[in-house]
Each structure stands twice: as C-alpha cells, then as structure tokens.
N, C-alpha and C. Protein backbone atom coordinates (compact mmCIF):
# COMPACT_ATOMS: atom_id res chain seq x y z
N UNK A 1 0.82 -1.20 0.00
CA UNK A 1 0.00 0.00 0.00
C UNK A 1 0.86 1.26 0.00
N UNK A 2 1.96 1.22 0.77
CA UNK A 2 2.85 2.37 0.80
C UNK A 2 3.42 2.64 -0.59
N UNK A 3 3.84 1.59 -1.26
CA UNK A 3 4.39 1.71 -2.62
C UNK A 3 3.34 2.27 -3.58
N UNK A 4 2.12 1.74 -3.49
CA UNK A 4 1.05 2.20 -4.37
C UNK A 4 0.76 3.69 -4.15
N UNK A 5 0.80 4.13 -2.89
CA UNK A 5 0.53 5.54 -2.60
C UNK A 5 1.62 6.43 -3.20
N UNK A 6 2.88 6.00 -3.11
CA UNK A 6 3.96 6.78 -3.68
C UNK A 6 3.82 6.89 -5.20
N UNK A 7 3.42 5.80 -5.84
CA UNK A 7 3.23 5.83 -7.29
C UNK A 7 2.08 6.75 -7.67
N UNK A 8 1.01 6.75 -6.86
CA UNK A 8 -0.12 7.63 -7.13
C UNK A 8 0.26 9.11 -6.97
N UNK A 9 1.26 9.36 -6.12
CA UNK A 9 1.74 10.73 -5.91
C UNK A 9 2.67 11.19 -7.04
N UNK A 10 2.92 10.29 -7.99
CA UNK A 10 3.73 10.67 -9.15
C UNK A 10 5.18 10.25 -9.07
N UNK A 11 5.58 9.49 -8.04
CA UNK A 11 6.95 9.04 -7.94
C UNK A 11 7.23 8.03 -9.05
N UNK A 12 8.45 8.06 -9.55
CA UNK A 12 8.81 7.19 -10.67
C UNK A 12 9.85 6.15 -10.27
N UNK A 13 9.84 5.74 -9.01
CA UNK A 13 10.79 4.74 -8.54
C UNK A 13 10.59 3.42 -9.28
N UNK A 14 11.69 2.68 -9.43
CA UNK A 14 11.62 1.33 -9.95
C UNK A 14 11.83 0.36 -8.80
N UNK A 15 10.97 -0.65 -8.73
CA UNK A 15 11.01 -1.58 -7.59
C UNK A 15 11.99 -2.72 -7.87
N UNK A 16 13.27 -2.35 -7.96
CA UNK A 16 14.30 -3.34 -8.27
C UNK A 16 14.86 -4.00 -7.03
N UNK A 17 15.83 -4.86 -7.26
CA UNK A 17 16.49 -5.59 -6.17
C UNK A 17 17.49 -4.71 -5.46
N UNK A 18 17.48 -4.75 -4.13
CA UNK A 18 18.53 -4.15 -3.32
C UNK A 18 18.96 -5.18 -2.28
N UNK A 19 20.00 -4.84 -1.53
CA UNK A 19 20.55 -5.77 -0.56
C UNK A 19 20.44 -5.18 0.84
N UNK A 20 19.91 -5.99 1.76
CA UNK A 20 19.74 -5.56 3.14
C UNK A 20 20.66 -6.37 4.06
N UNK A 21 21.12 -5.75 5.13
CA UNK A 21 22.00 -6.43 6.09
C UNK A 21 21.18 -7.37 6.95
N UNK A 22 21.55 -8.63 6.97
CA UNK A 22 20.86 -9.60 7.82
C UNK A 22 21.68 -9.96 9.05
N UNK A 23 23.00 -9.86 8.96
CA UNK A 23 23.84 -10.23 10.10
C UNK A 23 25.22 -9.62 9.89
N UNK A 24 25.93 -9.43 11.01
CA UNK A 24 27.32 -9.05 10.87
C UNK A 24 28.11 -9.46 12.10
N UNK A 25 29.42 -9.61 11.87
CA UNK A 25 30.35 -10.04 12.91
C UNK A 25 31.54 -9.11 12.87
N UNK A 26 31.84 -8.48 14.02
CA UNK A 26 32.85 -7.43 14.04
C UNK A 26 33.94 -7.78 15.04
N UNK A 27 35.20 -7.73 14.57
CA UNK A 27 36.38 -7.84 15.41
C UNK A 27 37.24 -6.61 15.14
N UNK A 28 38.25 -6.35 15.97
CA UNK A 28 39.06 -5.14 15.76
C UNK A 28 39.66 -5.03 14.36
N UNK A 29 40.02 -6.15 13.74
CA UNK A 29 40.65 -6.10 12.42
C UNK A 29 39.84 -6.82 11.35
N UNK A 30 38.56 -7.05 11.61
CA UNK A 30 37.75 -7.80 10.64
C UNK A 30 36.27 -7.46 10.80
N UNK A 31 35.59 -7.33 9.66
CA UNK A 31 34.15 -7.13 9.67
C UNK A 31 33.54 -8.03 8.60
N UNK A 32 32.69 -8.94 9.02
CA UNK A 32 31.96 -9.81 8.10
C UNK A 32 30.50 -9.40 8.11
N UNK A 33 29.98 -9.06 6.93
CA UNK A 33 28.59 -8.64 6.80
C UNK A 33 27.87 -9.60 5.88
N UNK A 34 26.71 -10.08 6.32
CA UNK A 34 25.88 -10.96 5.50
C UNK A 34 24.73 -10.14 4.93
N UNK A 35 24.61 -10.14 3.60
CA UNK A 35 23.57 -9.41 2.93
C UNK A 35 22.57 -10.37 2.29
N UNK A 36 21.33 -9.92 2.15
CA UNK A 36 20.34 -10.71 1.43
C UNK A 36 19.54 -9.81 0.51
N UNK A 37 19.00 -10.39 -0.53
CA UNK A 37 18.24 -9.62 -1.51
C UNK A 37 16.85 -9.28 -0.98
N UNK A 38 16.42 -8.05 -1.28
CA UNK A 38 15.05 -7.64 -1.01
C UNK A 38 14.65 -6.68 -2.13
N UNK A 39 13.54 -5.95 -1.94
CA UNK A 39 13.04 -5.05 -2.98
C UNK A 39 13.07 -3.61 -2.49
N UNK A 40 13.08 -2.70 -3.46
CA UNK A 40 13.21 -1.28 -3.14
C UNK A 40 12.02 -0.78 -2.32
N UNK A 41 10.83 -1.36 -2.51
CA UNK A 41 9.68 -0.91 -1.72
C UNK A 41 9.88 -1.22 -0.24
N UNK A 42 10.61 -2.30 0.08
CA UNK A 42 10.94 -2.63 1.47
C UNK A 42 11.80 -1.52 2.08
N UNK A 43 12.79 -1.05 1.31
CA UNK A 43 13.66 0.02 1.78
C UNK A 43 12.88 1.31 2.00
N UNK A 44 12.04 1.69 1.04
CA UNK A 44 11.28 2.94 1.16
C UNK A 44 10.35 2.90 2.36
N UNK A 45 9.69 1.77 2.57
CA UNK A 45 8.81 1.66 3.73
C UNK A 45 9.61 1.86 5.02
N UNK A 46 10.79 1.25 5.09
CA UNK A 46 11.61 1.35 6.30
C UNK A 46 12.02 2.78 6.59
N UNK A 47 12.50 3.50 5.56
CA UNK A 47 12.99 4.85 5.83
C UNK A 47 11.86 5.83 6.08
N UNK A 48 10.71 5.62 5.47
CA UNK A 48 9.59 6.55 5.66
C UNK A 48 8.88 6.33 7.00
N UNK A 49 9.00 5.13 7.55
CA UNK A 49 8.33 4.84 8.83
C UNK A 49 9.29 4.75 10.00
N UNK A 50 10.60 4.96 9.74
CA UNK A 50 11.59 4.95 10.81
C UNK A 50 11.41 3.75 11.75
N UNK A 51 11.17 2.61 11.17
CA UNK A 51 10.87 1.43 11.97
C UNK A 51 12.12 0.83 12.60
N UNK A 52 11.97 0.29 13.80
CA UNK A 52 13.06 -0.44 14.47
C UNK A 52 12.80 -1.95 14.42
N UNK A 53 11.84 -2.35 13.63
CA UNK A 53 11.55 -3.77 13.45
C UNK A 53 12.80 -4.49 12.98
N UNK A 54 13.08 -5.70 13.50
CA UNK A 54 14.29 -6.41 13.06
C UNK A 54 14.30 -6.74 11.58
N UNK A 55 13.12 -6.70 10.95
CA UNK A 55 13.05 -6.97 9.52
C UNK A 55 13.08 -5.69 8.69
N UNK A 56 13.33 -4.55 9.34
CA UNK A 56 13.48 -3.31 8.60
C UNK A 56 14.68 -3.43 7.65
N UNK A 57 14.64 -2.68 6.59
CA UNK A 57 15.68 -2.76 5.57
C UNK A 57 16.86 -1.87 5.95
N UNK A 58 17.98 -2.50 6.30
CA UNK A 58 19.23 -1.79 6.59
C UNK A 58 20.18 -2.06 5.43
N UNK A 59 20.65 -1.01 4.80
CA UNK A 59 21.46 -1.20 3.60
C UNK A 59 22.92 -0.85 3.86
N UNK A 60 23.77 -1.37 2.99
CA UNK A 60 25.19 -1.07 3.03
C UNK A 60 25.55 -0.33 1.76
N UNK A 61 26.18 0.81 1.92
CA UNK A 61 26.54 1.66 0.79
C UNK A 61 28.05 1.69 0.60
N UNK A 62 28.45 2.08 -0.59
CA UNK A 62 29.83 2.48 -0.85
C UNK A 62 29.77 3.85 -1.51
N UNK A 63 30.62 4.76 -1.08
CA UNK A 63 30.60 6.11 -1.66
C UNK A 63 32.02 6.64 -1.77
N UNK A 64 32.17 7.73 -2.50
CA UNK A 64 33.50 8.27 -2.80
C UNK A 64 33.61 9.72 -2.34
N UNK A 65 34.54 9.97 -1.43
CA UNK A 65 34.91 11.35 -1.10
C UNK A 65 35.80 11.83 -2.25
N UNK A 66 35.17 12.48 -3.22
CA UNK A 66 35.85 12.85 -4.45
C UNK A 66 36.57 14.18 -4.27
N UNK A 67 37.85 14.20 -4.67
CA UNK A 67 38.69 15.38 -4.46
C UNK A 67 39.32 15.80 -5.78
N UNK A 68 39.25 17.08 -6.10
CA UNK A 68 39.86 17.58 -7.32
C UNK A 68 41.36 17.78 -7.11
N UNK A 69 42.07 17.93 -8.22
CA UNK A 69 43.53 18.09 -8.13
C UNK A 69 43.94 19.43 -7.52
N UNK A 70 43.02 20.41 -7.50
CA UNK A 70 43.34 21.69 -6.89
C UNK A 70 42.72 21.85 -5.50
N UNK A 71 42.34 20.72 -4.88
CA UNK A 71 42.02 20.75 -3.46
C UNK A 71 40.60 21.08 -3.08
N UNK A 72 39.62 20.57 -3.82
CA UNK A 72 38.21 20.75 -3.47
C UNK A 72 37.54 19.39 -3.34
N UNK A 73 36.61 19.28 -2.39
CA UNK A 73 35.77 18.10 -2.26
C UNK A 73 34.47 18.32 -3.03
N UNK A 74 33.98 17.27 -3.65
CA UNK A 74 32.79 17.34 -4.50
C UNK A 74 31.61 16.69 -3.79
N UNK A 75 30.51 17.43 -3.66
CA UNK A 75 29.31 16.94 -2.99
C UNK A 75 28.12 17.16 -3.91
N UNK A 76 27.21 16.20 -3.94
CA UNK A 76 26.04 16.31 -4.79
C UNK A 76 24.77 16.57 -4.00
N UNK A 77 23.83 17.26 -4.64
CA UNK A 77 22.49 17.46 -4.08
C UNK A 77 21.53 16.55 -4.85
N UNK A 78 20.87 15.65 -4.14
CA UNK A 78 20.00 14.69 -4.79
C UNK A 78 18.83 15.38 -5.49
N UNK A 79 18.46 14.84 -6.64
CA UNK A 79 17.40 15.43 -7.45
C UNK A 79 16.02 15.13 -6.87
N UNK A 80 15.02 15.86 -7.32
CA UNK A 80 13.66 15.75 -6.78
C UNK A 80 13.04 14.37 -6.98
N UNK A 81 13.40 13.68 -8.04
CA UNK A 81 12.76 12.40 -8.34
C UNK A 81 13.36 11.24 -7.55
N UNK A 82 14.40 11.48 -6.75
CA UNK A 82 15.04 10.41 -5.98
C UNK A 82 14.33 10.22 -4.64
N UNK A 83 14.75 9.19 -3.91
CA UNK A 83 14.13 8.90 -2.61
C UNK A 83 14.49 9.93 -1.54
N UNK A 84 15.56 10.70 -1.75
CA UNK A 84 16.00 11.69 -0.76
C UNK A 84 16.24 13.04 -1.45
N UNK A 85 15.18 13.68 -1.95
CA UNK A 85 15.35 14.93 -2.70
C UNK A 85 16.02 16.02 -1.89
N UNK A 86 16.94 16.73 -2.55
CA UNK A 86 17.66 17.89 -1.99
C UNK A 86 18.67 17.52 -0.92
N UNK A 87 18.86 16.24 -0.64
CA UNK A 87 19.84 15.84 0.38
C UNK A 87 21.25 15.94 -0.20
N UNK A 88 22.18 16.44 0.60
CA UNK A 88 23.58 16.52 0.20
C UNK A 88 24.30 15.25 0.59
N UNK A 89 25.09 14.70 -0.33
CA UNK A 89 25.81 13.47 -0.06
C UNK A 89 26.94 13.30 -1.06
N UNK A 90 27.79 12.32 -0.80
CA UNK A 90 28.86 11.99 -1.72
C UNK A 90 28.32 11.12 -2.85
N UNK A 91 29.06 11.06 -3.94
CA UNK A 91 28.70 10.14 -5.02
C UNK A 91 28.79 8.71 -4.49
N UNK A 92 27.75 7.94 -4.71
CA UNK A 92 27.74 6.56 -4.22
C UNK A 92 26.33 6.06 -4.09
N UNK A 93 26.20 4.84 -3.63
CA UNK A 93 24.86 4.27 -3.49
C UNK A 93 24.91 2.83 -3.03
N UNK A 94 23.77 2.19 -3.11
CA UNK A 94 23.64 0.82 -2.64
C UNK A 94 24.24 -0.19 -3.61
N UNK A 95 24.39 -1.39 -3.11
CA UNK A 95 24.93 -2.49 -3.90
C UNK A 95 23.88 -2.95 -4.91
N UNK A 96 24.34 -3.30 -6.12
CA UNK A 96 23.40 -3.93 -7.05
C UNK A 96 24.00 -5.25 -7.55
N UNK A 97 23.24 -5.94 -8.39
CA UNK A 97 23.64 -7.28 -8.80
C UNK A 97 25.01 -7.31 -9.48
N UNK A 98 25.35 -6.26 -10.21
CA UNK A 98 26.62 -6.25 -10.93
C UNK A 98 27.82 -6.18 -9.99
N UNK A 99 27.60 -5.79 -8.72
CA UNK A 99 28.68 -5.69 -7.74
C UNK A 99 28.96 -7.02 -7.03
N UNK A 100 28.09 -8.00 -7.24
CA UNK A 100 28.22 -9.28 -6.55
C UNK A 100 29.01 -10.25 -7.42
N UNK A 101 30.12 -10.73 -6.89
CA UNK A 101 30.97 -11.68 -7.58
C UNK A 101 31.00 -12.98 -6.76
N UNK A 102 30.23 -13.96 -7.20
CA UNK A 102 30.10 -15.19 -6.42
C UNK A 102 29.38 -14.91 -5.13
N UNK A 103 30.02 -15.18 -3.99
CA UNK A 103 29.40 -14.90 -2.69
C UNK A 103 30.06 -13.69 -2.01
N UNK A 104 30.74 -12.85 -2.81
CA UNK A 104 31.40 -11.67 -2.28
C UNK A 104 30.87 -10.41 -2.98
N UNK A 105 30.97 -9.28 -2.28
CA UNK A 105 30.59 -7.99 -2.87
C UNK A 105 31.85 -7.20 -3.20
N UNK A 106 31.93 -6.73 -4.43
CA UNK A 106 33.05 -5.91 -4.89
C UNK A 106 32.68 -4.44 -4.68
N UNK A 107 33.07 -3.87 -3.55
CA UNK A 107 32.68 -2.50 -3.23
C UNK A 107 33.39 -1.48 -4.12
N UNK A 108 34.60 -1.79 -4.54
CA UNK A 108 35.29 -0.88 -5.45
C UNK A 108 34.54 -0.79 -6.77
N UNK A 109 34.03 -1.91 -7.24
CA UNK A 109 33.22 -1.91 -8.46
C UNK A 109 31.99 -1.04 -8.27
N UNK A 110 31.38 -1.09 -7.08
CA UNK A 110 30.20 -0.28 -6.78
C UNK A 110 30.55 1.21 -6.86
N UNK A 111 31.68 1.60 -6.29
CA UNK A 111 32.10 3.01 -6.33
C UNK A 111 32.34 3.46 -7.77
N UNK A 112 33.05 2.65 -8.54
CA UNK A 112 33.33 3.00 -9.93
C UNK A 112 32.03 3.17 -10.72
N UNK A 113 31.08 2.26 -10.48
CA UNK A 113 29.79 2.33 -11.18
C UNK A 113 29.03 3.59 -10.79
N UNK A 114 28.98 3.90 -9.49
CA UNK A 114 28.21 5.06 -9.03
C UNK A 114 28.83 6.37 -9.49
N UNK A 115 30.16 6.46 -9.51
CA UNK A 115 30.81 7.68 -9.99
C UNK A 115 30.49 7.90 -11.47
N UNK A 116 30.44 6.81 -12.23
CA UNK A 116 30.06 6.91 -13.64
C UNK A 116 28.62 7.40 -13.77
N UNK A 117 27.71 6.83 -12.97
CA UNK A 117 26.29 7.17 -13.09
C UNK A 117 25.98 8.57 -12.59
N UNK A 118 26.63 9.01 -11.52
CA UNK A 118 26.26 10.27 -10.88
C UNK A 118 27.12 11.46 -11.30
N UNK A 119 28.40 11.21 -11.60
CA UNK A 119 29.28 12.31 -11.99
C UNK A 119 29.66 12.24 -13.47
N UNK A 120 29.35 11.13 -14.13
CA UNK A 120 29.68 11.00 -15.54
C UNK A 120 31.15 10.77 -15.81
N UNK A 121 31.89 10.27 -14.81
CA UNK A 121 33.33 10.06 -14.94
C UNK A 121 33.61 8.56 -15.01
N UNK A 122 34.22 8.12 -16.09
CA UNK A 122 34.58 6.71 -16.26
C UNK A 122 35.97 6.51 -15.66
N UNK A 123 36.02 6.04 -14.43
CA UNK A 123 37.30 5.89 -13.74
C UNK A 123 38.18 4.84 -14.41
N UNK A 124 37.59 3.85 -15.05
CA UNK A 124 38.40 2.81 -15.68
C UNK A 124 39.27 3.37 -16.80
N UNK A 125 38.83 4.45 -17.42
CA UNK A 125 39.60 5.04 -18.51
C UNK A 125 40.77 5.89 -18.02
N UNK A 126 40.72 6.31 -16.76
CA UNK A 126 41.78 7.17 -16.22
C UNK A 126 42.40 6.57 -14.96
N UNK A 127 42.25 5.25 -14.78
CA UNK A 127 42.64 4.62 -13.53
C UNK A 127 44.11 4.83 -13.19
N UNK A 128 44.99 4.93 -14.19
CA UNK A 128 46.41 5.13 -13.91
C UNK A 128 46.67 6.48 -13.24
N UNK A 129 45.75 7.42 -13.41
CA UNK A 129 45.93 8.77 -12.84
C UNK A 129 45.03 9.04 -11.64
N UNK A 130 44.33 7.99 -11.18
CA UNK A 130 43.38 8.13 -10.08
C UNK A 130 43.98 7.54 -8.80
N UNK A 131 43.71 8.21 -7.69
CA UNK A 131 44.07 7.67 -6.37
C UNK A 131 42.78 7.27 -5.66
N UNK A 132 42.67 5.99 -5.31
CA UNK A 132 41.44 5.52 -4.66
C UNK A 132 41.78 4.46 -3.62
N UNK A 133 41.28 4.65 -2.41
CA UNK A 133 41.51 3.69 -1.34
C UNK A 133 40.42 3.84 -0.28
N UNK A 134 40.11 2.75 0.46
CA UNK A 134 39.14 2.86 1.55
C UNK A 134 39.61 3.87 2.59
N UNK A 135 38.67 4.63 3.13
CA UNK A 135 39.01 5.68 4.09
C UNK A 135 38.37 5.42 5.46
N UNK A 136 37.04 5.29 5.50
CA UNK A 136 36.32 5.08 6.76
C UNK A 136 35.18 4.10 6.55
N UNK A 137 34.79 3.48 7.65
CA UNK A 137 33.57 2.67 7.67
C UNK A 137 32.61 3.32 8.66
N UNK A 138 31.47 3.77 8.17
CA UNK A 138 30.47 4.43 9.02
C UNK A 138 29.39 3.44 9.40
N UNK A 139 29.05 3.38 10.68
CA UNK A 139 27.95 2.55 11.17
C UNK A 139 26.99 3.41 11.98
N UNK A 140 25.83 2.85 12.31
CA UNK A 140 24.85 3.58 13.11
C UNK A 140 24.17 4.68 12.31
N UNK A 141 23.79 5.74 12.99
CA UNK A 141 23.10 6.83 12.31
C UNK A 141 21.60 6.64 12.30
N UNK A 142 20.93 7.60 11.65
CA UNK A 142 19.48 7.65 11.67
C UNK A 142 18.83 6.39 11.13
N UNK A 143 19.38 5.83 10.05
CA UNK A 143 18.77 4.67 9.42
C UNK A 143 19.55 3.38 9.66
N UNK A 144 20.55 3.45 10.56
CA UNK A 144 21.34 2.27 10.92
C UNK A 144 21.97 1.61 9.70
N UNK A 145 22.35 2.41 8.74
CA UNK A 145 23.02 1.88 7.56
C UNK A 145 24.51 1.76 7.82
N UNK A 146 25.19 1.06 6.92
CA UNK A 146 26.64 0.93 6.98
C UNK A 146 27.19 1.50 5.69
N UNK A 147 28.18 2.38 5.79
CA UNK A 147 28.71 3.05 4.61
C UNK A 147 30.23 2.90 4.57
N UNK A 148 30.73 2.33 3.48
CA UNK A 148 32.16 2.25 3.24
C UNK A 148 32.55 3.47 2.40
N UNK A 149 33.36 4.34 2.99
CA UNK A 149 33.74 5.60 2.35
C UNK A 149 35.15 5.48 1.78
N UNK A 150 35.26 5.69 0.47
CA UNK A 150 36.56 5.69 -0.21
C UNK A 150 37.02 7.13 -0.41
N UNK A 151 38.32 7.32 -0.42
CA UNK A 151 38.89 8.59 -0.86
C UNK A 151 39.24 8.45 -2.34
N UNK A 152 38.75 9.39 -3.15
CA UNK A 152 38.96 9.35 -4.59
C UNK A 152 39.61 10.64 -5.06
N UNK A 153 40.87 10.56 -5.43
CA UNK A 153 41.58 11.71 -5.95
C UNK A 153 41.58 11.72 -7.47
N UNK A 154 41.01 12.77 -8.06
CA UNK A 154 40.87 12.85 -9.52
C UNK A 154 41.94 13.75 -10.13
N UNK A 155 42.37 13.44 -11.37
CA UNK A 155 43.31 14.31 -12.08
C UNK A 155 42.56 15.42 -12.81
N UNK A 156 41.65 16.09 -12.10
CA UNK A 156 40.80 17.12 -12.69
C UNK A 156 40.71 18.29 -11.72
N UNK A 157 40.76 19.50 -12.23
CA UNK A 157 40.53 20.68 -11.41
C UNK A 157 39.03 20.91 -11.26
N UNK A 158 38.67 21.86 -10.42
CA UNK A 158 37.27 22.24 -10.28
C UNK A 158 36.70 22.67 -11.63
N UNK A 159 37.44 23.48 -12.37
CA UNK A 159 36.94 23.95 -13.66
C UNK A 159 36.79 22.79 -14.65
N UNK A 160 37.74 21.86 -14.62
CA UNK A 160 37.61 20.66 -15.45
C UNK A 160 36.30 19.93 -15.14
N UNK A 161 36.01 19.78 -13.83
CA UNK A 161 34.82 19.05 -13.42
C UNK A 161 33.55 19.80 -13.80
N UNK A 162 33.55 21.11 -13.67
CA UNK A 162 32.37 21.90 -14.04
C UNK A 162 32.03 21.67 -15.52
N UNK A 163 33.04 21.77 -16.37
CA UNK A 163 32.81 21.59 -17.80
C UNK A 163 32.39 20.16 -18.12
N UNK A 164 33.07 19.19 -17.49
CA UNK A 164 32.75 17.79 -17.74
C UNK A 164 31.32 17.47 -17.30
N UNK A 165 30.94 17.96 -16.12
CA UNK A 165 29.61 17.64 -15.59
C UNK A 165 28.52 18.32 -16.41
N UNK A 166 28.77 19.54 -16.86
CA UNK A 166 27.79 20.23 -17.71
C UNK A 166 27.57 19.46 -19.01
N UNK A 167 28.65 18.95 -19.58
CA UNK A 167 28.53 18.15 -20.81
C UNK A 167 27.79 16.85 -20.54
N UNK A 168 28.05 16.25 -19.37
CA UNK A 168 27.37 15.01 -19.00
C UNK A 168 25.87 15.24 -18.84
N UNK A 169 25.47 16.31 -18.18
CA UNK A 169 24.05 16.62 -18.02
C UNK A 169 23.39 16.85 -19.38
N UNK A 170 24.11 17.48 -20.28
CA UNK A 170 23.56 17.70 -21.63
C UNK A 170 23.30 16.37 -22.33
N UNK A 171 24.23 15.42 -22.20
CA UNK A 171 24.04 14.10 -22.82
C UNK A 171 22.85 13.38 -22.21
N UNK A 172 22.70 13.47 -20.88
CA UNK A 172 21.57 12.82 -20.23
C UNK A 172 20.24 13.39 -20.72
N UNK A 173 20.18 14.73 -20.82
CA UNK A 173 18.94 15.37 -21.29
C UNK A 173 18.60 14.92 -22.71
N UNK A 174 19.61 14.83 -23.56
CA UNK A 174 19.37 14.39 -24.93
C UNK A 174 18.83 12.96 -24.98
N UNK A 175 19.22 12.12 -24.00
CA UNK A 175 18.78 10.74 -23.95
C UNK A 175 17.51 10.55 -23.13
N UNK A 176 16.98 11.65 -22.58
CA UNK A 176 15.77 11.57 -21.77
C UNK A 176 15.96 10.95 -20.42
N UNK A 177 17.16 11.04 -19.86
CA UNK A 177 17.49 10.44 -18.57
C UNK A 177 17.59 11.53 -17.51
N UNK A 178 16.97 11.30 -16.37
CA UNK A 178 17.06 12.25 -15.27
C UNK A 178 18.34 12.00 -14.46
N UNK A 179 19.11 13.03 -14.18
CA UNK A 179 20.34 12.84 -13.39
C UNK A 179 20.01 12.57 -11.92
N UNK A 180 20.90 11.83 -11.26
CA UNK A 180 20.72 11.57 -9.83
C UNK A 180 20.92 12.85 -9.01
N UNK A 181 21.88 13.67 -9.41
CA UNK A 181 22.17 14.90 -8.69
C UNK A 181 21.53 16.09 -9.40
N UNK A 182 20.85 16.93 -8.63
CA UNK A 182 20.30 18.17 -9.18
C UNK A 182 21.41 19.18 -9.42
N UNK A 183 22.46 19.12 -8.59
CA UNK A 183 23.59 20.04 -8.73
C UNK A 183 24.77 19.48 -7.96
N UNK A 184 25.94 20.04 -8.25
CA UNK A 184 27.15 19.72 -7.50
C UNK A 184 27.64 20.97 -6.79
N UNK A 185 28.24 20.76 -5.62
CA UNK A 185 28.91 21.87 -4.94
C UNK A 185 30.34 21.45 -4.65
N UNK A 186 31.21 22.45 -4.57
CA UNK A 186 32.63 22.21 -4.34
C UNK A 186 33.04 22.94 -3.07
N UNK A 187 33.70 22.24 -2.17
CA UNK A 187 34.11 22.82 -0.89
C UNK A 187 35.63 22.76 -0.80
N UNK A 188 36.27 23.88 -0.59
CA UNK A 188 37.72 23.94 -0.45
C UNK A 188 38.17 23.17 0.79
N UNK A 189 39.27 22.44 0.64
CA UNK A 189 39.80 21.64 1.75
C UNK A 189 40.49 22.54 2.79
N UNK A 190 39.71 23.40 3.39
CA UNK A 190 40.22 24.29 4.43
C UNK A 190 39.21 24.33 5.56
N UNK A 191 39.71 24.41 6.78
CA UNK A 191 38.82 24.36 7.94
C UNK A 191 37.82 25.50 7.91
N UNK A 192 38.25 26.70 7.53
CA UNK A 192 37.33 27.84 7.53
C UNK A 192 36.21 27.64 6.51
N UNK A 193 36.53 27.06 5.36
CA UNK A 193 35.52 26.84 4.33
C UNK A 193 34.53 25.75 4.75
N UNK A 194 35.04 24.68 5.35
CA UNK A 194 34.16 23.61 5.83
C UNK A 194 33.26 24.12 6.94
N UNK A 195 33.82 24.90 7.86
CA UNK A 195 33.03 25.45 8.97
C UNK A 195 31.93 26.34 8.43
N UNK A 196 32.24 27.16 7.44
CA UNK A 196 31.24 28.05 6.84
C UNK A 196 30.12 27.24 6.18
N UNK A 197 30.51 26.20 5.46
CA UNK A 197 29.52 25.35 4.81
C UNK A 197 28.60 24.69 5.84
N UNK A 198 29.17 24.10 6.87
CA UNK A 198 28.36 23.40 7.87
C UNK A 198 27.46 24.35 8.65
N UNK A 199 27.90 25.59 8.81
CA UNK A 199 27.12 26.54 9.58
C UNK A 199 25.99 27.17 8.78
N UNK A 200 26.23 27.45 7.49
CA UNK A 200 25.28 28.26 6.74
C UNK A 200 24.47 27.50 5.69
N UNK A 201 24.94 26.36 5.25
CA UNK A 201 24.16 25.61 4.26
C UNK A 201 23.13 24.76 5.00
N UNK A 202 21.86 25.08 4.85
CA UNK A 202 20.80 24.49 5.66
C UNK A 202 20.14 23.29 4.99
N UNK A 203 20.64 22.86 3.85
CA UNK A 203 20.05 21.71 3.20
C UNK A 203 20.27 20.43 4.00
N UNK A 204 19.35 19.49 3.84
CA UNK A 204 19.48 18.20 4.49
C UNK A 204 20.78 17.53 4.06
N UNK A 205 21.46 16.88 5.02
CA UNK A 205 22.70 16.18 4.70
C UNK A 205 22.57 14.71 5.09
N UNK A 206 23.20 13.84 4.32
CA UNK A 206 23.29 12.45 4.71
C UNK A 206 24.03 12.38 6.05
N UNK A 207 23.72 11.37 6.87
CA UNK A 207 24.18 11.39 8.25
C UNK A 207 25.69 11.36 8.44
N UNK A 208 26.43 10.82 7.46
CA UNK A 208 27.89 10.76 7.64
C UNK A 208 28.61 12.04 7.24
N UNK A 209 27.94 12.97 6.55
CA UNK A 209 28.65 14.08 5.92
C UNK A 209 29.26 15.05 6.92
N UNK A 210 28.49 15.48 7.91
CA UNK A 210 29.02 16.44 8.88
C UNK A 210 30.20 15.87 9.67
N UNK A 211 30.07 14.69 10.29
CA UNK A 211 31.24 14.17 11.03
C UNK A 211 32.43 13.88 10.12
N UNK A 212 32.18 13.46 8.88
CA UNK A 212 33.28 13.17 7.97
C UNK A 212 34.07 14.44 7.66
N UNK A 213 33.39 15.50 7.23
CA UNK A 213 34.09 16.73 6.89
C UNK A 213 34.78 17.34 8.10
N UNK A 214 34.13 17.26 9.26
CA UNK A 214 34.75 17.78 10.49
C UNK A 214 36.04 17.05 10.80
N UNK A 215 36.01 15.73 10.70
CA UNK A 215 37.20 14.93 11.00
C UNK A 215 38.31 15.19 9.99
N UNK A 216 37.94 15.34 8.73
CA UNK A 216 38.94 15.53 7.69
C UNK A 216 39.72 16.82 7.88
N UNK A 217 39.05 17.91 8.19
CA UNK A 217 39.77 19.18 8.34
C UNK A 217 40.59 19.21 9.61
N UNK A 218 40.20 18.41 10.60
CA UNK A 218 41.02 18.30 11.81
C UNK A 218 42.33 17.60 11.51
N UNK A 219 42.28 16.69 10.51
CA UNK A 219 43.47 15.90 10.18
C UNK A 219 44.33 16.51 9.07
N UNK A 220 43.80 17.54 8.41
CA UNK A 220 44.56 18.14 7.30
C UNK A 220 45.77 18.92 7.83
C-alpha cells in the first residue's frame, strides 16, 4: 500500500532488487557482513516509517569522497525524483547485482559504477591517474546503515569538473534520462571553508557528511 501511494503521488521509482544487512560479525581487524536480496519498496517503507523492526531494511553503501587536483571536495544534491530529494551526499549508493561476484561484494566496483552514473566520470579510462583507497567505515546513524567511504583523488581541477559535468548533463537530457544529482557543490579543503559550509548551508545532509568533513579538516 505504501508503494502504491507513492506511485499515485507521481513518484517514478523502480522496484528493483537491493541488498539488506541480515547479520554481521565485528572484530578489531575484521568485519563480516551478511547481505540478502530484497526489494526497493521494502527500503522505502523502512525509511519513511523509521521502523526499528528487526526486519526493517538496513542497507550497506559504498561512496566516494571525491577530491579535485586543486584541493576541493565534491558533494552532490540529490534530485527531486530520488528517494532523498535535496539531500547533500557523496557520489555513491547501494549495492546492485553487478557488484556481486560469487558470494562476495566488490565495493570498489560499486564506487566505480556510481561515480560513472552520478558524476559521468569513467574511472576505468583514467585509472592510472586516479588515487582511490578505503578511508572510513560508518555505522549507526538515523537509518542504521553501513557506509564504506573511499577517498577518490581525480586528475581534474574544479573547472575541469564543471565543464565535464555540464557536458554530462547535456548528454543525459538528450537521452531523456534524469540525473541523480540536481547540482554539484565544491568545498575547499580548508577548515574555515568547511566550517562556513556546515554553519550556513541548511540543506538536508546524509548522516555521515558532517562528522566526515569535520574529521577531515582536523586531520589536514
């Protein structure tokens, strides 16, 4: 019924397969997570009802803290047609079938796929010039999701990215495809700039964004 109501409201979600966390085992140097397949309507019901039911849909994400060669972090604002309109977050998303190799999940593949879909950047074509490595694992938060955050250093300046992304949006429009991000913002890797952003930008943020940026500028 919840799904039907969303469709009647004009939402254009596709009820595809997603993966929910069923179990996990954590040691100081090891984390084993068991995922199982479910449907997107299960996830939407869980986030809209803030349920603590053990069968609520808890997802595991992979995302990229994307950094330009001239020292800016790239953040996207989710588009109106997505499940989290106007929310600020990093490029990334949930696991899909193409990320599953046998009984293992290839999270790097997920990041590469999401960066292609959301930023229009084919990392495989420039991999020799890209720096990418796991950075943090986020747990808990409002929706009890788990997020593997990669650091992604691009061989592109802010201006390079602006031009590339504008061209990418043009291609999507010509193909009749709605972009995941309504817009991109760039934040200078400086404590004063991050503090200004966190203080004055009132848009909704994904739960890991504020602590991540705060920690990063403390370590710079």
